[in-house]
Amino acid sequence: MTSFVFLADGFEEIEALTVVDVMRRAGMAVRTVSITDNKQVHGAHGVIVETDMTFKTADFSDAEWLICPGGMPGAENLHKFDALNDLLKVHSMHPGKVAAICAAPAVVLAPLGLLRDITATCYPGFDGQLTAGGAEYVNERVVVHENVITANGPSSSLLFALAIVASSLGEGAARDIAEGMLLYSGNTPYYF
């Protein structure tokens, strides 16, 4: 199975690229997808990324994870792309696995009803939109609820990515990646 990270102009670079990096370290198939006809996408901080494919050329039939990074106006641009909205709704009914970070849980997933009646998090200040979509907001770095993972922002990107790996490959695989990246030493996490 392949996972897909969707990029729109204005995406938060660390949130998108950390997920791709960590998933590939874990041996997971993950591809970046531009929602425009151009494979080059401009990040919120001026980093230009060439994606693996455009949305129009992608085959999502074997999708494991659909992942939406935040950033503004990146998350808003994802929200405005009807084809992605349709894909997210259909995928979540399987039930497929969906992950979003920063503004994306509130701006992309919540309006689609994908967070209704579950616990989720997002970037502070977007929590009203999250709860308007029926989610129970919690002020946590990463929240895992069955096949949905949400995270609160850039500093949580690594933990977000590791949660995706843990959900697919188990806690041991995530811990191995974390230790290799010096996030953990034995049972002691390096983060605070």
Protein backbone atom coordinates (compact mmCIF):
# COMPACT_ATOMS: atom_id res chain seq x y z
CA MET A 1 0.00 0.00 0.00
CA THR A 2 1.05 3.57 -0.66
CA SER A 3 0.45 6.66 1.44
CA PHE A 4 0.03 10.13 -0.02
CA VAL A 5 1.00 13.56 1.32
CA PHE A 6 -0.94 16.37 -0.38
CA LEU A 7 0.82 19.66 -1.06
CA ALA A 8 -0.77 22.98 -1.94
CA ASP A 9 0.93 26.33 -2.29
CA GLY A 10 1.50 27.71 1.20
CA PHE A 11 2.02 24.31 2.86
CA GLU A 12 4.08 24.07 6.07
CA GLU A 13 7.35 22.56 4.88
CA ILE A 14 8.47 20.85 8.10
CA GLU A 15 5.10 19.17 8.54
CA ALA A 16 5.07 17.72 5.03
CA LEU A 17 8.71 16.75 4.61
CA THR A 18 9.19 15.30 8.10
CA VAL A 19 6.33 12.88 7.49
CA VAL A 20 7.78 11.80 4.15
CA ASP A 21 11.27 11.38 5.63
CA VAL A 22 10.17 9.35 8.66
CA MET A 23 7.80 7.11 6.71
CA ARG A 24 10.53 6.34 4.17
CA ARG A 25 13.01 5.59 6.97
CA ALA A 26 10.46 3.05 8.18
CA GLY A 27 10.29 1.49 4.72
CA MET A 28 6.76 2.72 4.03
CA ALA A 29 5.75 3.68 0.49
CA VAL A 30 4.82 7.37 0.54
CA ARG A 31 4.39 9.79 -2.35
CA THR A 32 3.99 13.56 -2.47
CA VAL A 33 1.11 14.88 -4.54
CA SER A 34 0.60 18.39 -5.89
CA ILE A 35 -3.05 19.40 -6.04
CA THR A 36 -2.26 21.63 -9.04
CA ASP A 37 -1.13 20.73 -12.55
CA ASN A 38 2.41 21.78 -11.59
CA LYS A 39 4.66 19.33 -9.73
CA GLN A 40 6.50 22.26 -8.10
CA VAL A 41 4.75 23.56 -4.99
CA HIS A 42 5.74 26.64 -3.01
CA GLY A 43 5.90 26.24 0.75
CA ALA A 44 4.82 28.85 3.28
CA HIS A 45 8.45 29.79 3.96
CA GLY A 46 9.71 29.95 0.40
CA VAL A 47 10.87 26.34 0.00
CA ILE A 48 9.93 24.96 -3.40
CA VAL A 49 9.30 21.21 -3.46
CA GLU A 50 8.97 19.08 -6.57
CA THR A 51 6.33 16.48 -5.83
CA ASP A 52 6.33 12.90 -7.04
CA MET A 53 3.13 13.45 -9.00
CA THR A 54 0.12 15.66 -9.54
CA PHE A 55 -3.32 14.79 -8.26
CA LYS A 56 -4.58 14.22 -11.81
CA THR A 57 -1.89 11.61 -12.53
CA ALA A 58 -2.12 9.75 -9.21
CA ASP A 59 -3.75 6.39 -8.60
CA PHE A 60 -5.19 6.28 -5.09
CA SER A 61 -6.71 2.80 -5.35
CA ASP A 62 -4.16 1.25 -2.97
CA ALA A 63 -3.97 4.18 -0.55
CA GLU A 64 -3.15 3.44 3.07
CA TRP A 65 -2.80 6.97 4.48
CA LEU A 66 -4.05 10.29 3.11
CA ILE A 67 -2.03 13.00 4.86
CA CYS A 68 -2.67 16.74 4.94
CA PRO A 69 0.02 19.09 6.24
CA GLY A 70 -0.98 22.47 7.58
CA GLY A 71 0.38 25.91 6.92
CA MET A 72 -1.54 28.85 5.63
CA PRO A 73 -2.74 29.33 3.03
CA GLY A 74 -1.77 25.71 2.28
CA ALA A 75 -4.51 24.14 4.41
CA GLU A 76 -7.09 26.53 2.97
CA ASN A 77 -5.95 25.64 -0.55
CA LEU A 78 -6.35 21.93 0.24
CA HIS A 79 -9.84 22.65 1.59
CA LYS A 80 -10.83 24.44 -1.63
CA PHE A 81 -9.80 21.47 -3.81
CA ASP A 82 -13.01 19.51 -4.33
CA ALA A 83 -11.33 16.41 -5.77
CA LEU A 84 -9.27 16.00 -2.57
CA ASN A 85 -12.37 16.51 -0.42
CA ASP A 86 -14.17 13.79 -2.35
CA LEU A 87 -11.19 11.44 -2.03
CA LEU A 88 -10.92 12.04 1.73
CA LYS A 89 -14.63 11.32 2.24
CA VAL A 90 -14.57 8.10 0.21
CA HIS A 91 -11.30 6.91 1.76
CA SER A 92 -12.51 7.50 5.31
CA MET A 93 -15.54 5.26 4.71
CA HIS A 94 -13.41 2.12 4.12
CA PRO A 95 -12.35 2.99 6.93
CA GLY A 96 -9.18 4.39 5.47
CA LYS A 97 -6.45 6.07 7.43
CA VAL A 98 -6.35 9.88 7.49
CA ALA A 99 -3.85 12.19 9.16
CA ALA A 100 -3.67 15.97 9.40
CA ILE A 101 -1.53 18.45 11.30
CA CYS A 102 -1.61 22.12 12.30
CA ALA A 103 -4.53 23.97 10.69
CA ALA A 104 -5.46 21.03 8.43
CA PRO A 105 -7.53 19.05 10.98
CA ALA A 106 -9.80 22.08 11.46
CA VAL A 107 -9.67 23.55 7.95
CA VAL A 108 -9.65 20.37 5.83
CA LEU A 109 -11.02 17.41 7.83
CA ALA A 110 -13.59 18.99 10.17
CA PRO A 111 -15.75 20.63 7.47
CA LEU A 112 -16.04 17.22 5.77
CA GLY A 113 -17.39 15.65 8.97
CA LEU A 114 -14.37 13.35 9.24
CA LEU A 115 -13.74 14.31 12.88
CA ARG A 116 -17.33 14.12 14.09
CA ASP A 117 -17.60 12.53 17.55
CA ILE A 118 -13.86 11.90 17.93
CA THR A 119 -11.09 13.49 19.97
CA ALA A 120 -8.67 15.56 17.90
CA THR A 121 -6.20 18.42 18.08
CA CYS A 122 -5.08 21.26 15.82
CA TYR A 123 -3.11 24.51 15.83
CA PRO A 124 -4.28 26.80 18.66
CA GLY A 125 -6.83 29.29 17.42
CA PHE A 126 -8.39 26.84 14.96
CA ASP A 127 -10.06 24.82 17.72
CA GLY A 128 -13.40 26.58 17.15
CA GLN A 129 -13.49 25.26 13.59
CA LEU A 130 -12.53 21.82 14.84
CA THR A 131 -15.38 21.69 17.35
CA ALA A 132 -17.80 23.18 14.80
CA GLY A 133 -17.09 20.07 12.75
CA GLY A 134 -18.18 17.89 15.66
CA ALA A 135 -14.80 16.97 17.15
CA GLU A 136 -13.85 17.11 20.79
CA TYR A 137 -10.78 19.38 20.91
CA VAL A 138 -7.90 18.48 23.23
CA ASN A 139 -4.75 20.54 23.68
CA GLU A 140 -2.27 17.75 22.91
CA ARG A 141 0.66 17.49 20.52
CA VAL A 142 -0.62 14.36 18.75
CA VAL A 143 -3.95 12.56 19.08
CA VAL A 144 -4.57 9.08 17.70
CA HIS A 145 -8.20 8.02 17.38
CA GLU A 146 -8.53 4.70 15.56
CA ASN A 147 -7.71 5.48 11.89
CA VAL A 148 -7.40 9.24 12.35
CA ILE A 149 -4.27 11.02 13.57
CA THR A 150 -4.14 14.75 14.25
CA ALA A 151 -1.34 16.97 15.53
CA ASN A 152 -1.07 20.57 16.67
CA GLY A 153 1.76 22.13 14.68
CA PRO A 154 5.31 22.30 13.34
CA SER A 155 7.14 21.27 16.52
CA SER A 156 5.04 18.10 16.67
CA SER A 157 5.90 17.01 13.12
CA LEU A 158 8.30 14.26 14.17
CA LEU A 159 5.90 12.86 16.78
CA PHE A 160 3.08 13.03 14.24
CA ALA A 161 5.13 11.07 11.70
CA LEU A 162 6.12 8.49 14.31
CA ALA A 163 2.46 8.04 15.28
CA ILE A 164 1.68 7.23 11.65
CA VAL A 165 4.51 4.68 11.57
CA ALA A 166 3.36 3.17 14.88
CA SER A 167 -0.20 2.85 13.60
CA SER A 168 0.94 1.01 10.46
CA LEU A 169 3.97 -0.95 11.60
CA GLY A 170 3.69 -1.07 15.40
CA GLU A 171 5.25 0.73 18.35
CA GLY A 172 8.54 -1.16 17.97
CA ALA A 173 9.10 0.11 14.44
CA ALA A 174 8.34 3.68 15.52
CA ARG A 175 10.70 3.38 18.51
CA ASP A 176 13.48 2.05 16.26
CA ILE A 177 13.12 5.06 13.95
CA ALA A 178 12.95 7.44 16.93
CA GLU A 179 16.07 5.95 18.50
CA GLY A 180 17.93 6.11 15.18
CA MET A 181 17.06 9.80 15.01
CA LEU A 182 18.12 10.29 18.67
CA LEU A 183 14.62 11.18 19.81
CA TYR A 184 14.73 8.42 22.44
CA SER A 185 17.47 6.90 24.51
CA GLY A 186 16.19 3.65 25.98
CA ASN A 187 12.94 4.57 27.69
CA THR A 188 13.80 8.25 28.01
CA PRO A 189 12.39 10.64 25.40
CA TYR A 190 14.56 13.59 24.41
CA TYR A 191 11.62 15.88 23.88
CA PHE A 192 9.79 17.83 26.59
